[in-house]
Amino acid sequence: MSYVTSLSAQQQNNLVYLIDEAVDSGIVNPYSIAAFIAIISKESNLIPVEENGNYSADRICQIWSRLCQQRFQLAHNPEKLLNAAYGGRYGNSANEGYKYRGRGFNQLTFKDNYKFYGNKIGLNLVSDPNLVLNPAVASQVAAEFAKQGFKQLKSNGKLSSYGNAKDINDFNNSNDAVEAFYHANAGTGKSVSYIKNRKDNTGGMTKALSRVGSIFEFTEDWLKKNPVKKSTGKLLPLAAVGGLAFFLYRLTKK
């Protein structure tokens, strides 16, 4: 069973949202779209989620070494922990770390980021950060996040390390595309060698690479059958649902 055929109905619908938004935002190369979604899949398995912050004392030390001395006071207290971890940083006041915790397909975090990406997509995410849990909104945020990451990779001369790519659509294989989107997601300040040599450290790269072929096949087929046009309100078209169901049925019959 491929990754795509293993998805639930909710994940299948979100897969279509992500393809739609990728194309709407200018990510049109099938390798790029598939890599974009593969990276999201290893982050949230195609379901927008929020960081719950319910960590044990030992886990707090592993993730936030600077908070290790406070671990027993912070353990299993999400609001207190995330205020300590994120408060006073990137636009957050001391008690806003929990409010602007990670959400969405790619865990948007910090008030400054909610403001920046809210402005990009025309929504007030600062006033209502839970909007990022809506798949349509989460798709827009994820696409904008990827685009911003690629701008930085290009400007700092790192993008060409991935198959000599010149922009977000300049890929002719899944491996280069996944590594580049992984870098954009992980942080553009990281070195290329850090990205290329850490596949087995976290398992995220390996997971994305194992899924991208199935996602690419679906994406390529989808784009042939359903040219994506700018949709109002990001509602999932009935034709899209039907096309997805048909494609999944066809895959299971191979």
C-alpha atoms as a PDB file:
ATOM      1  CA  MET A   1       0.000   0.000   0.000  1.00  0.00           C
ATOM      2  CA  SER A   2       1.398   3.411  -0.959  1.00  0.00           C
ATOM      3  CA  TYR A   3       1.376   6.410   1.342  1.00  0.00           C
ATOM      4  CA  VAL A   4      -1.407   8.129  -0.606  1.00  0.00           C
ATOM      5  CA  THR A   5      -3.703   5.102  -0.633  1.00  0.00           C
ATOM      6  CA  SER A   6      -3.202   4.692   3.125  1.00  0.00           C
ATOM      7  CA  LEU A   7      -4.589   8.152   3.891  1.00  0.00           C
ATOM      8  CA  SER A   8      -7.885   8.743   5.680  1.00  0.00           C
ATOM      9  CA  ALA A   9     -10.666  10.781   4.055  1.00  0.00           C
ATOM     10  CA  GLN A  10      -9.578  13.836   6.052  1.00  0.00           C
ATOM     11  CA  GLN A  11      -5.969  13.462   4.970  1.00  0.00           C
ATOM     12  CA  GLN A  12      -7.039  12.931   1.355  1.00  0.00           C
ATOM     13  CA  ASN A  13      -9.049  16.157   1.374  1.00  0.00           C
ATOM     14  CA  ASN A  14      -6.125  18.024   2.899  1.00  0.00           C
ATOM     15  CA  LEU A  15      -3.824  16.624   0.223  1.00  0.00           C
ATOM     16  CA  VAL A  16      -6.041  18.280  -2.373  1.00  0.00           C
ATOM     17  CA  TYR A  17      -6.062  21.558  -0.412  1.00  0.00           C
ATOM     18  CA  LEU A  18      -2.269  21.531  -0.403  1.00  0.00           C
ATOM     19  CA  ILE A  19      -1.954  20.852  -4.138  1.00  0.00           C
ATOM     20  CA  ASP A  20      -4.510  23.561  -4.874  1.00  0.00           C
ATOM     21  CA  GLU A  21      -2.717  26.097  -2.690  1.00  0.00           C
ATOM     22  CA  ALA A  22       0.729  25.167  -3.985  1.00  0.00           C
ATOM     23  CA  VAL A  23      -0.341  25.871  -7.561  1.00  0.00           C
ATOM     24  CA  ASP A  24      -2.268  29.000  -6.585  1.00  0.00           C
ATOM     25  CA  SER A  25       0.842  30.361  -4.880  1.00  0.00           C
ATOM     26  CA  GLY A  26       3.149  29.613  -7.818  1.00  0.00           C
ATOM     27  CA  ILE A  27       4.594  26.241  -6.837  1.00  0.00           C
ATOM     28  CA  VAL A  28       3.811  24.392 -10.070  1.00  0.00           C
ATOM     29  CA  ASN A  29       6.578  21.848 -10.673  1.00  0.00           C
ATOM     30  CA  PRO A  30       5.201  18.372  -9.746  1.00  0.00           C
ATOM     31  CA  TYR A  31       8.489  17.455  -8.036  1.00  0.00           C
ATOM     32  CA  SER A  32       8.288  20.661  -6.011  1.00  0.00           C
ATOM     33  CA  ILE A  33       4.639  20.114  -5.063  1.00  0.00           C
ATOM     34  CA  ALA A  34       5.305  16.511  -4.057  1.00  0.00           C
ATOM     35  CA  ALA A  35       8.345  17.492  -1.968  1.00  0.00           C
ATOM     36  CA  PHE A  36       6.421  20.343  -0.336  1.00  0.00           C
ATOM     37  CA  ILE A  37       3.682  17.916   0.717  1.00  0.00           C
ATOM     38  CA  ALA A  38       6.119  15.164   1.721  1.00  0.00           C
ATOM     39  CA  ILE A  39       7.811  17.539   4.159  1.00  0.00           C
ATOM     40  CA  ILE A  40       4.438  18.572   5.552  1.00  0.00           C
ATOM     41  CA  SER A  41       3.490  14.918   5.916  1.00  0.00           C
ATOM     42  CA  LYS A  42       6.448  14.230   8.190  1.00  0.00           C
ATOM     43  CA  GLU A  43       5.565  17.298  10.269  1.00  0.00           C
ATOM     44  CA  SER A  44       1.832  16.719  10.757  1.00  0.00           C
ATOM     45  CA  ASN A  45       0.775  13.743   8.616  1.00  0.00           C
ATOM     46  CA  LEU A  46      -1.427  16.106   6.555  1.00  0.00           C
ATOM     47  CA  ILE A  47      -3.637  17.113   9.489  1.00  0.00           C
ATOM     48  CA  PRO A  48      -3.228  20.608  11.013  1.00  0.00           C
ATOM     49  CA  VAL A  49      -2.222  20.156  14.649  1.00  0.00           C
ATOM     50  CA  GLU A  50      -1.294  22.334  17.591  1.00  0.00           C
ATOM     51  CA  GLU A  51       1.613  21.909  19.955  1.00  0.00           C
ATOM     52  CA  ASN A  52       0.251  20.649  23.261  1.00  0.00           C
ATOM     53  CA  GLY A  53       3.377  21.150  25.381  1.00  0.00           C
ATOM     54  CA  ASN A  54       2.534  18.233  27.676  1.00  0.00           C
ATOM     55  CA  TYR A  55       6.092  16.998  28.235  1.00  0.00           C
ATOM     56  CA  SER A  56       7.759  14.986  30.953  1.00  0.00           C
ATOM     57  CA  ALA A  57      10.638  16.447  32.950  1.00  0.00           C
ATOM     58  CA  ASP A  58      13.177  14.328  31.059  1.00  0.00           C
ATOM     59  CA  ARG A  59      11.764  15.341  27.687  1.00  0.00           C
ATOM     60  CA  ILE A  60      11.913  19.034  28.611  1.00  0.00           C
ATOM     61  CA  CYS A  61      15.657  18.656  29.204  1.00  0.00           C
ATOM     62  CA  GLN A  62      16.073  16.986  25.815  1.00  0.00           C
ATOM     63  CA  ILE A  63      14.207  19.716  23.919  1.00  0.00           C
ATOM     64  CA  TRP A  64      15.029  22.838  25.954  1.00  0.00           C
ATOM     65  CA  SER A  65      18.281  22.357  27.839  1.00  0.00           C
ATOM     66  CA  ARG A  66      18.063  25.911  29.186  1.00  0.00           C
ATOM     67  CA  LEU A  67      14.840  24.966  31.012  1.00  0.00           C
ATOM     68  CA  CYS A  68      16.217  21.781  32.549  1.00  0.00           C
ATOM     69  CA  GLN A  69      16.594  23.256  36.045  1.00  0.00           C
ATOM     70  CA  GLN A  70      12.891  24.158  36.001  1.00  0.00           C
ATOM     71  CA  ARG A  71      11.778  20.841  34.543  1.00  0.00           C
ATOM     72  CA  PHE A  72       9.804  19.612  37.532  1.00  0.00           C
ATOM     73  CA  GLN A  73       7.809  22.840  37.756  1.00  0.00           C
ATOM     74  CA  LEU A  74       7.118  22.805  34.006  1.00  0.00           C
ATOM     75  CA  ALA A  75       6.445  19.108  33.435  1.00  0.00           C
ATOM     76  CA  HIS A  76       2.902  18.315  32.259  1.00  0.00           C
ATOM     77  CA  ASN A  77       1.949  21.992  32.463  1.00  0.00           C
ATOM     78  CA  PRO A  78       1.682  23.057  28.805  1.00  0.00           C
ATOM     79  CA  GLU A  79       0.811  26.712  29.347  1.00  0.00           C
ATOM     80  CA  LYS A  80       3.573  27.299  31.879  1.00  0.00           C
ATOM     81  CA  LEU A  81       6.124  25.367  29.818  1.00  0.00           C
ATOM     82  CA  LEU A  82       5.434  27.085  26.497  1.00  0.00           C
ATOM     83  CA  ASN A  83       5.350  30.517  28.117  1.00  0.00           C
ATOM     84  CA  ALA A  84       8.798  29.740  29.538  1.00  0.00           C
ATOM     85  CA  ALA A  85      10.044  28.342  26.228  1.00  0.00           C
ATOM     86  CA  TYR A  86       8.623  30.959  23.854  1.00  0.00           C
ATOM     87  CA  GLY A  87       7.788  33.966  26.033  1.00  0.00           C
ATOM     88  CA  GLY A  88       9.681  37.185  25.384  1.00  0.00           C
ATOM     89  CA  ARG A  89      10.867  36.038  21.960  1.00  0.00           C
ATOM     90  CA  TYR A  90       9.992  37.020  18.377  1.00  0.00           C
ATOM     91  CA  GLY A  91       7.185  39.387  19.338  1.00  0.00           C
ATOM     92  CA  ASN A  92       5.785  37.353  22.226  1.00  0.00           C
ATOM     93  CA  SER A  93       5.309  38.997  25.598  1.00  0.00           C
ATOM     94  CA  ALA A  94       6.398  36.912  28.571  1.00  0.00           C
ATOM     95  CA  ASN A  95       2.985  35.233  28.853  1.00  0.00           C
ATOM     96  CA  GLU A  96       2.231  34.762  25.125  1.00  0.00           C
ATOM     97  CA  GLY A  97       4.361  31.715  24.403  1.00  0.00           C
ATOM     98  CA  TYR A  98       1.424  29.350  24.856  1.00  0.00           C
ATOM     99  CA  LYS A  99      -0.954  31.566  22.862  1.00  0.00           C
ATOM    100  CA  TYR A 100       1.366  31.630  19.845  1.00  0.00           C
ATOM    101  CA  ARG A 101       2.523  28.018  20.094  1.00  0.00           C
ATOM    102  CA  GLY A 102       3.020  25.818  17.059  1.00  0.00           C
ATOM    103  CA  ARG A 103      -0.038  25.269  14.866  1.00  0.00           C
ATOM    104  CA  GLY A 104      -0.973  24.144  11.389  1.00  0.00           C
ATOM    105  CA  PHE A 105       0.629  21.821   8.897  1.00  0.00           C
ATOM    106  CA  ASN A 106       4.122  23.131   9.659  1.00  0.00           C
ATOM    107  CA  GLN A 107       3.815  24.378  13.261  1.00  0.00           C
ATOM    108  CA  LEU A 108       3.734  28.154  12.857  1.00  0.00           C
ATOM    109  CA  THR A 109       5.189  29.580  16.092  1.00  0.00           C
ATOM    110  CA  PHE A 110       5.708  33.063  17.647  1.00  0.00           C
ATOM    111  CA  LYS A 111       3.587  36.195  17.395  1.00  0.00           C
ATOM    112  CA  ASP A 112       5.856  37.858  14.820  1.00  0.00           C
ATOM    113  CA  ASN A 113       5.339  34.901  12.491  1.00  0.00           C
ATOM    114  CA  TYR A 114       1.576  34.875  13.015  1.00  0.00           C
ATOM    115  CA  LYS A 115       1.583  38.565  12.087  1.00  0.00           C
ATOM    116  CA  PHE A 116       3.894  38.148   9.088  1.00  0.00           C
ATOM    117  CA  TYR A 117       2.084  35.208   7.511  1.00  0.00           C
ATOM    118  CA  GLY A 118      -1.319  36.609   8.419  1.00  0.00           C
ATOM    119  CA  ASN A 119      -0.451  39.726   6.446  1.00  0.00           C
ATOM    120  CA  LYS A 120       0.753  37.543   3.554  1.00  0.00           C
ATOM    121  CA  ILE A 121      -2.573  35.703   3.285  1.00  0.00           C
ATOM    122  CA  GLY A 122      -4.865  38.562   4.329  1.00  0.00           C
ATOM    123  CA  LEU A 123      -6.044  37.210   7.693  1.00  0.00           C
ATOM    124  CA  ASN A 124      -5.582  38.476  11.239  1.00  0.00           C
ATOM    125  CA  LEU A 125      -3.852  35.443  12.712  1.00  0.00           C
ATOM    126  CA  VAL A 126      -2.645  37.445  15.710  1.00  0.00           C
ATOM    127  CA  SER A 127      -6.212  37.989  16.908  1.00  0.00           C
ATOM    128  CA  ASP A 128      -7.239  34.417  16.165  1.00  0.00           C
ATOM    129  CA  PRO A 129      -4.222  32.086  15.997  1.00  0.00           C
ATOM    130  CA  ASN A 130      -6.530  29.050  15.917  1.00  0.00           C
ATOM    131  CA  LEU A 131      -7.381  29.950  12.312  1.00  0.00           C
ATOM    132  CA  VAL A 132      -4.157  28.140  11.401  1.00  0.00           C
ATOM    133  CA  LEU A 133      -5.878  24.881  12.380  1.00  0.00           C
ATOM    134  CA  ASN A 134      -8.247  25.302   9.424  1.00  0.00           C
ATOM    135  CA  PRO A 135      -6.844  23.189   6.549  1.00  0.00           C
ATOM    136  CA  ALA A 136      -7.452  25.919   3.970  1.00  0.00           C
ATOM    137  CA  VAL A 137      -5.644  28.536   6.072  1.00  0.00           C
ATOM    138  CA  ALA A 138      -2.932  26.083   7.087  1.00  0.00           C
ATOM    139  CA  SER A 139      -2.311  25.336   3.403  1.00  0.00           C
ATOM    140  CA  GLN A 140      -1.816  29.014   2.603  1.00  0.00           C
ATOM    141  CA  VAL A 141       0.534  29.501   5.543  1.00  0.00           C
ATOM    142  CA  ALA A 142       2.568  26.414   4.616  1.00  0.00           C
ATOM    143  CA  ALA A 143       2.946  27.514   0.999  1.00  0.00           C
ATOM    144  CA  GLU A 144       4.003  31.033   1.982  1.00  0.00           C
ATOM    145  CA  PHE A 145       6.447  29.613   4.514  1.00  0.00           C
ATOM    146  CA  ALA A 146       8.042  27.434   1.837  1.00  0.00           C
ATOM    147  CA  LYS A 147       8.295  30.343  -0.592  1.00  0.00           C
ATOM    148  CA  GLN A 148       9.953  32.557   2.008  1.00  0.00           C
ATOM    149  CA  GLY A 149      12.399  29.778   2.818  1.00  0.00           C
ATOM    150  CA  PHE A 150      13.344  29.393  -0.831  1.00  0.00           C
ATOM    151  CA  LYS A 151      13.919  33.131  -1.181  1.00  0.00           C
ATOM    152  CA  GLN A 152      16.383  32.931   1.679  1.00  0.00           C
ATOM    153  CA  LEU A 153      18.089  29.810   0.326  1.00  0.00           C
ATOM    154  CA  LYS A 154      18.550  31.544  -3.004  1.00  0.00           C
ATOM    155  CA  SER A 155      19.810  34.784  -1.484  1.00  0.00           C
ATOM    156  CA  ASN A 156      22.393  33.043   0.694  1.00  0.00           C
ATOM    157  CA  GLY A 157      23.643  30.869  -2.161  1.00  0.00           C
ATOM    158  CA  LYS A 158      22.483  27.527  -0.747  1.00  0.00           C
ATOM    159  CA  LEU A 159      19.669  26.668  -3.164  1.00  0.00           C
ATOM    160  CA  SER A 160      22.029  25.698  -5.996  1.00  0.00           C
ATOM    161  CA  SER A 161      23.397  22.907  -3.790  1.00  0.00           C
ATOM    162  CA  TYR A 162      20.229  20.974  -4.549  1.00  0.00           C
ATOM    163  CA  GLY A 163      20.524  19.880  -8.173  1.00  0.00           C
ATOM    164  CA  ASN A 164      21.723  23.348  -9.277  1.00  0.00           C
ATOM    165  CA  ALA A 165      18.208  24.659  -8.658  1.00  0.00           C
ATOM    166  CA  LYS A 166      17.633  28.327  -9.422  1.00  0.00           C
ATOM    167  CA  ASP A 167      14.156  28.672  -7.916  1.00  0.00           C
ATOM    168  CA  ILE A 168      11.379  26.779  -6.172  1.00  0.00           C
ATOM    169  CA  ASN A 169      10.216  25.118  -9.410  1.00  0.00           C
ATOM    170  CA  ASP A 170      13.632  24.129 -10.758  1.00  0.00           C
ATOM    171  CA  PHE A 171      13.770  20.404  -9.921  1.00  0.00           C
ATOM    172  CA  ASN A 172      13.867  17.297 -12.097  1.00  0.00           C
ATOM    173  CA  ASN A 173      13.960  14.642  -9.384  1.00  0.00           C
ATOM    174  CA  SER A 174      12.367  14.009  -6.003  1.00  0.00           C
ATOM    175  CA  ASN A 175      15.564  13.680  -3.962  1.00  0.00           C
ATOM    176  CA  ASP A 176      16.869  17.182  -4.691  1.00  0.00           C
ATOM    177  CA  ALA A 177      13.409  18.651  -4.211  1.00  0.00           C
ATOM    178  CA  VAL A 178      12.861  16.957  -0.844  1.00  0.00           C
ATOM    179  CA  GLU A 179      16.257  18.041   0.460  1.00  0.00           C
ATOM    180  CA  ALA A 180      15.664  21.646  -0.595  1.00  0.00           C
ATOM    181  CA  PHE A 181      12.176  21.807   0.927  1.00  0.00           C
ATOM    182  CA  TYR A 182      13.518  20.116   4.048  1.00  0.00           C
ATOM    183  CA  HIS A 183      16.161  22.853   4.305  1.00  0.00           C
ATOM    184  CA  ALA A 184      13.570  25.600   3.828  1.00  0.00           C
ATOM    185  CA  ASN A 185      11.443  24.043   6.562  1.00  0.00           C
ATOM    186  CA  ALA A 186      14.247  23.298   9.026  1.00  0.00           C
ATOM    187  CA  GLY A 187      15.764  26.776   8.845  1.00  0.00           C
ATOM    188  CA  THR A 188      17.723  28.493   6.116  1.00  0.00           C
ATOM    189  CA  GLY A 189      20.501  29.420   8.514  1.00  0.00           C
ATOM    190  CA  LYS A 190      21.527  25.788   8.720  1.00  0.00           C
ATOM    191  CA  SER A 191      24.353  24.583   6.491  1.00  0.00           C
ATOM    192  CA  VAL A 192      23.788  22.409   3.438  1.00  0.00           C
ATOM    193  CA  SER A 193      25.999  19.706   4.956  1.00  0.00           C
ATOM    194  CA  TYR A 194      23.822  19.707   8.084  1.00  0.00           C
ATOM    195  CA  ILE A 195      20.751  19.012   5.940  1.00  0.00           C
ATOM    196  CA  LYS A 196      22.361  16.425   3.699  1.00  0.00           C
ATOM    197  CA  ASN A 197      23.979  14.471   6.540  1.00  0.00           C
ATOM    198  CA  ARG A 198      21.142  14.344   9.087  1.00  0.00           C
ATOM    199  CA  LYS A 199      18.700  11.994   7.335  1.00  0.00           C
ATOM    200  CA  ASP A 200      19.097   9.232   9.895  1.00  0.00           C
ATOM    201  CA  ASN A 201      19.377  11.509  12.937  1.00  0.00           C
ATOM    202  CA  THR A 202      15.716  12.482  13.169  1.00  0.00           C
ATOM    203  CA  GLY A 203      14.068  10.158  10.665  1.00  0.00           C
ATOM    204  CA  GLY A 204      12.162  13.050   9.122  1.00  0.00           C
ATOM    205  CA  MET A 205      14.095  13.108   5.874  1.00  0.00           C
ATOM    206  CA  THR A 206      13.842   9.350   5.505  1.00  0.00           C
ATOM    207  CA  LYS A 207      10.099   9.514   6.088  1.00  0.00           C
ATOM    208  CA  ALA A 208       9.627  12.295   3.536  1.00  0.00           C
ATOM    209  CA  LEU A 209      11.704  10.463   0.926  1.00  0.00           C
ATOM    210  CA  SER A 210       9.718   7.267   1.459  1.00  0.00           C
ATOM    211  CA  ARG A 211       6.457   9.111   0.770  1.00  0.00           C
ATOM    212  CA  VAL A 212       7.375  11.502  -2.011  1.00  0.00           C
ATOM    213  CA  GLY A 213       7.107   8.967  -4.861  1.00  0.00           C
ATOM    214  CA  SER A 214       3.480   8.173  -4.070  1.00  0.00           C
ATOM    215  CA  ILE A 215       2.667  11.859  -3.625  1.00  0.00           C
ATOM    216  CA  PHE A 216       4.419  12.721  -6.896  1.00  0.00           C
ATOM    217  CA  GLU A 217       2.427  10.104  -8.806  1.00  0.00           C
ATOM    218  CA  PHE A 218      -0.813  11.440  -7.422  1.00  0.00           C
ATOM    219  CA  THR A 219       0.188  15.064  -8.031  1.00  0.00           C
ATOM    220  CA  GLU A 220       1.194  14.481 -11.648  1.00  0.00           C
ATOM    221  CA  ASP A 221      -2.034  12.631 -12.370  1.00  0.00           C
ATOM    222  CA  TRP A 222      -4.097  15.229 -10.556  1.00  0.00           C
ATOM    223  CA  LEU A 223      -2.607  18.155 -12.454  1.00  0.00           C
ATOM    224  CA  LYS A 224      -3.362  16.465 -15.772  1.00  0.00           C
ATOM    225  CA  LYS A 225      -7.000  15.836 -14.890  1.00  0.00           C
ATOM    226  CA  ASN A 226      -7.759  18.920 -12.787  1.00  0.00           C
ATOM    227  CA  PRO A 227      -6.094  22.162 -13.847  1.00  0.00           C
ATOM    228  CA  VAL A 228      -6.188  24.175 -10.643  1.00  0.00           C
ATOM    229  CA  LYS A 229      -7.692  27.654 -10.792  1.00  0.00           C
ATOM    230  CA  LYS A 230      -7.733  30.263  -8.085  1.00  0.00           C
ATOM    231  CA  SER A 231     -10.607  29.338  -5.812  1.00  0.00           C
ATOM    232  CA  THR A 232     -12.631  31.729  -3.675  1.00  0.00           C
ATOM    233  CA  GLY A 233     -12.573  30.846  -0.005  1.00  0.00           C
ATOM    234  CA  LYS A 234     -10.525  27.700  -0.676  1.00  0.00           C
ATOM    235  CA  LEU A 235     -13.527  25.396  -0.736  1.00  0.00           C
ATOM    236  CA  LEU A 236     -12.847  21.877  -1.950  1.00  0.00           C
ATOM    237  CA  PRO A 237     -14.619  21.392  -5.303  1.00  0.00           C
ATOM    238  CA  LEU A 238     -16.869  18.367  -5.670  1.00  0.00           C
ATOM    239  CA  ALA A 239     -15.007  17.515  -8.843  1.00  0.00           C
ATOM    240  CA  ALA A 240     -11.813  17.416  -6.834  1.00  0.00           C
ATOM    241  CA  VAL A 241     -13.269  14.969  -4.338  1.00  0.00           C
ATOM    242  CA  GLY A 242     -14.509  12.761  -7.155  1.00  0.00           C
ATOM    243  CA  GLY A 243     -11.191  12.909  -8.952  1.00  0.00           C
ATOM    244  CA  LEU A 244      -9.322  11.989  -5.790  1.00  0.00           C
ATOM    245  CA  ALA A 245     -11.603   9.053  -5.076  1.00  0.00           C
ATOM    246  CA  PHE A 246     -11.214   7.782  -8.641  1.00  0.00           C
ATOM    247  CA  PHE A 247      -7.447   8.075  -8.525  1.00  0.00           C
ATOM    248  CA  LEU A 248      -7.206   6.236  -5.203  1.00  0.00           C
ATOM    249  CA  TYR A 249      -9.484   3.514  -6.541  1.00  0.00           C
ATOM    250  CA  ARG A 250      -7.283   3.175  -9.630  1.00  0.00           C
ATOM    251  CA  LEU A 251      -4.142   2.919  -7.520  1.00  0.00           C
ATOM    252  CA  THR A 252      -5.580   0.102  -5.420  1.00  0.00           C
ATOM    253  CA  LYS A 253      -6.418  -1.835  -8.589  1.00  0.00           C
ATOM    254  CA  LYS A 254      -2.883  -1.744  -9.985  1.00  0.00           C
END
